[in-house]
Protein backbone atom coordinates (compact mmCIF):
# COMPACT_ATOMS: atom_id res chain seq x y z
CA UNK A 1 -26.10 47.40 72.97
CA UNK A 2 -25.89 44.73 70.26
CA UNK A 3 -22.33 43.35 70.14
CA UNK A 4 -21.51 42.15 66.65
CA UNK A 5 -18.75 39.89 65.33
CA UNK A 6 -18.05 40.49 61.64
CA UNK A 7 -16.50 37.55 59.79
CA UNK A 8 -15.25 38.26 56.27
CA UNK A 9 -11.89 37.60 54.62
CA UNK A 10 -11.84 41.00 52.89
CA UNK A 11 -10.61 43.87 55.07
CA UNK A 12 -12.36 46.43 52.89
CA UNK A 13 -15.72 44.70 53.44
CA UNK A 14 -15.20 44.59 57.20
CA UNK A 15 -14.31 48.30 57.19
CA UNK A 16 -17.39 49.14 55.14
CA UNK A 17 -19.67 47.22 57.49
CA UNK A 18 -18.12 48.94 60.50
CA UNK A 19 -18.77 52.34 58.92
CA UNK A 20 -22.41 51.48 58.26
CA UNK A 21 -22.98 50.22 61.79
CA UNK A 22 -21.01 53.04 63.46
CA UNK A 23 -23.89 55.41 62.73
CA UNK A 24 -26.51 53.04 64.12
CA UNK A 25 -27.57 53.53 67.76
CA UNK A 26 -27.29 50.52 70.08
CA UNK A 27 -25.02 48.57 67.72
CA UNK A 28 -21.27 48.09 67.87
CA UNK A 29 -18.78 45.94 65.99
CA UNK A 30 -17.15 44.29 68.99
CA UNK A 31 -14.64 42.25 66.95
CA UNK A 32 -13.64 40.99 63.52
CA UNK A 33 -12.49 37.69 62.01
CA UNK A 34 -10.95 36.96 58.64
CA UNK A 35 -11.45 33.19 58.48
CA UNK A 36 -13.43 30.38 60.04
CA UNK A 37 -10.90 29.28 62.62
CA UNK A 38 -10.61 32.83 63.89
CA UNK A 39 -14.40 33.00 64.24
CA UNK A 40 -14.49 29.87 66.36
CA UNK A 41 -11.57 31.07 68.48
CA UNK A 42 -13.26 34.41 69.19
CA UNK A 43 -16.69 33.01 70.13
CA UNK A 44 -14.98 30.69 72.62
CA UNK A 45 -13.25 33.62 74.33
CA UNK A 46 -16.05 36.19 74.54
CA UNK A 47 -19.77 36.71 74.16
CA UNK A 48 -21.41 38.21 71.09
CA UNK A 49 -25.06 38.96 70.38
CA UNK A 50 -24.83 38.16 66.68
CA UNK A 51 -22.35 37.05 64.01
CA UNK A 52 -22.44 38.54 60.52
CA UNK A 53 -20.82 35.75 58.51
CA UNK A 54 -19.52 35.60 54.95
CA UNK A 55 -20.23 32.22 53.39
CA UNK A 56 -17.13 32.16 51.14
CA UNK A 57 -13.91 32.33 53.12
CA UNK A 58 -10.47 30.70 52.75
CA UNK A 59 -9.80 27.40 54.43
CA UNK A 60 -12.88 26.28 56.33
CA UNK A 61 -15.99 27.20 54.35
CA UNK A 62 -18.62 29.48 55.82
CA UNK A 63 -21.10 26.62 55.77
CA UNK A 64 -18.74 24.46 57.82
CA UNK A 65 -18.15 27.37 60.22
CA UNK A 66 -21.89 27.88 60.58
CA UNK A 67 -22.39 24.22 61.45
CA UNK A 68 -19.68 24.36 64.13
CA UNK A 69 -21.01 27.63 65.57
CA UNK A 70 -24.47 26.14 65.98
CA UNK A 71 -22.96 23.05 67.59
CA UNK A 72 -20.96 25.07 70.14
CA UNK A 73 -23.33 28.04 70.57
CA UNK A 74 -26.76 26.90 69.38
CA UNK A 75 -28.48 30.07 70.59
CA UNK A 76 -26.01 32.50 68.99
CA UNK A 77 -27.75 34.13 65.98
CA UNK A 78 -25.87 34.08 62.68
CA UNK A 79 -26.75 36.39 59.79
CA UNK A 80 -25.13 35.24 56.56
CA UNK A 81 -24.00 38.10 54.32
CA UNK A 82 -22.93 36.76 50.95
CA UNK A 83 -21.96 37.80 47.45
CA UNK A 84 -23.91 34.80 46.14
CA UNK A 85 -27.53 35.22 44.97
CA UNK A 86 -30.24 33.94 47.28
CA UNK A 87 -31.19 31.05 45.02
CA UNK A 88 -27.65 29.65 45.17
CA UNK A 89 -27.00 29.29 48.90
CA UNK A 90 -29.83 30.72 51.02
CA UNK A 91 -31.95 27.61 51.52
CA UNK A 92 -28.87 25.55 52.34
CA UNK A 93 -27.57 27.96 55.01
CA UNK A 94 -30.99 28.40 56.61
CA UNK A 95 -31.34 24.65 56.89
CA UNK A 96 -27.88 24.62 58.49
CA UNK A 97 -29.05 26.96 61.25
CA UNK A 98 -28.54 30.54 60.02
CA UNK A 99 -31.06 33.09 61.27
CA UNK A 100 -31.03 35.08 58.05
CA UNK A 101 -29.50 35.53 54.62
CA UNK A 102 -28.62 38.81 52.95
CA UNK A 103 -26.70 39.54 49.75
CA UNK A 104 -23.88 42.07 49.74
CA UNK A 105 -25.66 44.27 47.22
CA UNK A 106 -28.46 44.94 49.73
CA UNK A 107 -29.04 48.47 50.98
CA UNK A 108 -27.35 49.49 54.27
CA UNK A 109 -30.79 50.03 55.81
CA UNK A 110 -31.68 46.42 55.06
CA UNK A 111 -28.53 45.20 56.81
CA UNK A 112 -29.40 47.19 59.92
CA UNK A 113 -32.95 45.87 59.89
CA UNK A 114 -31.71 42.30 59.45
CA UNK A 115 -29.28 42.60 62.37
CA UNK A 116 -32.00 44.04 64.62
CA UNK A 117 -34.45 41.30 63.76
CA UNK A 118 -31.98 38.43 64.04
CA UNK A 119 -30.53 39.72 67.33
CA UNK A 120 -34.05 39.57 68.77
CA UNK A 121 -34.34 35.89 67.98
CA UNK A 122 -36.30 36.24 64.78
CA UNK A 123 -35.56 35.18 61.20
CA UNK A 124 -34.69 37.55 58.38
CA UNK A 125 -35.42 36.56 54.80
CA UNK A 126 -36.71 38.44 51.77
CA UNK A 127 -40.18 37.79 50.36
CA UNK A 128 -38.75 35.98 47.35
CA UNK A 129 -36.58 33.82 49.56
CA UNK A 130 -39.55 33.00 51.80
CA UNK A 131 -41.37 31.56 48.80
CA UNK A 132 -38.30 29.62 47.70
CA UNK A 133 -37.71 28.27 51.19
CA UNK A 134 -41.30 27.13 51.60
CA UNK A 135 -41.08 25.35 48.26
CA UNK A 136 -37.72 23.69 49.03
CA UNK A 137 -38.71 22.51 52.51
CA UNK A 138 -41.77 20.81 51.08
CA UNK A 139 -39.71 18.84 48.59
CA UNK A 140 -38.04 15.50 49.06
CA UNK A 141 -34.27 16.01 48.96
CA UNK A 142 -34.20 13.31 46.31
CA UNK A 143 -35.63 15.81 43.83
CA UNK A 144 -32.35 17.74 43.93
CA UNK A 145 -29.36 15.46 43.87
CA UNK A 146 -26.98 18.24 44.92
CA UNK A 147 -28.59 17.98 48.37
CA UNK A 148 -26.63 14.76 48.77
CA UNK A 149 -23.39 16.74 48.85
CA UNK A 150 -21.54 17.98 51.92
CA UNK A 151 -21.05 21.73 52.26
CA UNK A 152 -17.51 21.53 50.90
CA UNK A 153 -18.48 19.22 48.02
CA UNK A 154 -21.25 21.65 47.07
CA UNK A 155 -18.79 24.54 47.13
CA UNK A 156 -16.30 22.65 44.93
CA UNK A 157 -19.09 21.71 42.52
CA UNK A 158 -20.15 25.34 42.08
CA UNK A 159 -16.56 26.43 41.48
CA UNK A 160 -15.98 23.67 38.92
CA UNK A 161 -19.22 24.60 37.17
CA UNK A 162 -18.06 28.23 37.13
CA UNK A 163 -15.06 27.19 35.06
CA UNK A 164 -12.38 27.07 37.77
CA UNK A 165 -9.63 24.46 37.47
CA UNK A 166 -8.74 22.09 40.29
CA UNK A 167 -5.56 24.09 40.94
CA UNK A 168 -7.49 27.39 41.02
CA UNK A 169 -10.02 25.91 43.44
CA UNK A 170 -7.23 24.60 45.64
CA UNK A 171 -5.69 28.07 45.83
CA UNK A 172 -9.00 29.74 46.55
CA UNK A 173 -10.03 27.33 49.31
CA UNK A 174 -6.54 26.87 50.76
CA UNK A 175 -6.64 23.14 50.08
CA UNK A 176 -4.21 20.83 48.31
CA UNK A 177 -4.83 19.89 44.67
CA UNK A 178 -5.14 16.27 45.80
CA UNK A 179 -7.85 17.16 48.33
CA UNK A 180 -9.86 19.10 45.75
CA UNK A 181 -9.52 16.19 43.31
CA UNK A 182 -10.86 13.88 46.00
CA UNK A 183 -13.87 16.16 46.57
CA UNK A 184 -14.47 16.23 42.82
CA UNK A 185 -14.42 12.44 42.59
CA UNK A 186 -16.82 12.11 45.52
CA UNK A 187 -19.33 14.63 44.23
CA UNK A 188 -19.29 13.14 40.72
CA UNK A 189 -20.01 9.74 42.24
CA UNK A 190 -22.77 11.02 44.50
CA UNK A 191 -24.44 12.84 41.63
CA UNK A 192 -24.03 10.01 39.15
CA UNK A 193 -22.09 12.15 36.70
CA UNK A 194 -18.96 11.52 34.66
CA UNK A 195 -17.33 14.87 34.00
CA UNK A 196 -17.24 18.62 34.55
CA UNK A 197 -19.46 19.30 31.55
CA UNK A 198 -22.31 17.36 33.13
CA UNK A 199 -21.79 19.18 36.42
CA UNK A 200 -21.90 22.53 34.63
CA UNK A 201 -25.11 21.70 32.78
CA UNK A 202 -26.72 20.59 36.02
CA UNK A 203 -25.58 23.70 37.92
CA UNK A 204 -26.88 26.02 35.20
CA UNK A 205 -30.20 24.19 34.95
CA UNK A 206 -30.72 24.44 38.71
CA UNK A 207 -29.46 28.04 38.90
CA UNK A 208 -26.60 27.15 41.25
CA UNK A 209 -24.27 29.45 39.31
CA UNK A 210 -24.84 32.65 37.35
């Protein structure tokens, strides 16, 4: 039996995933988590065969959670299930240690296949993502200056480029306005940019936002 921990901040998503997996032999949703700290708490208390992890959660970002999971439980497979298109986050999360990346608009059958493959120690990526990953891994990080950013800085950059205000980002990520402003200042400095308009142009050019 494959024991699965589902980590997503939306109860309706967790319920939907449980319904999909309830009809699948040899799989069971052993537990749920609604944020990153809860994920870490649960993996310290019991054993799971795989984590299905949302990359966008309140408080600690999914990317930060992934990094900590791999530090504490390096052999525990993590399948990232995200609303974000592959070309926005997939390469970054695979480099961070995820065993697979799947978008939330994927078919239920694809989710089941991904869980099976990842739980057996293999990777799960789509054909298009495989090509993108091969291309990215062969590039010098200097070719894409957003690779200089931390996970949280990258997340803040994408939200700014999507038109969110500092206050809106603070509310979404459960951070203070001051903290978000600090992240903004850091990422602008790292990327050699002066304002949000430049960030937005860069994000659109590199397909980091829709």
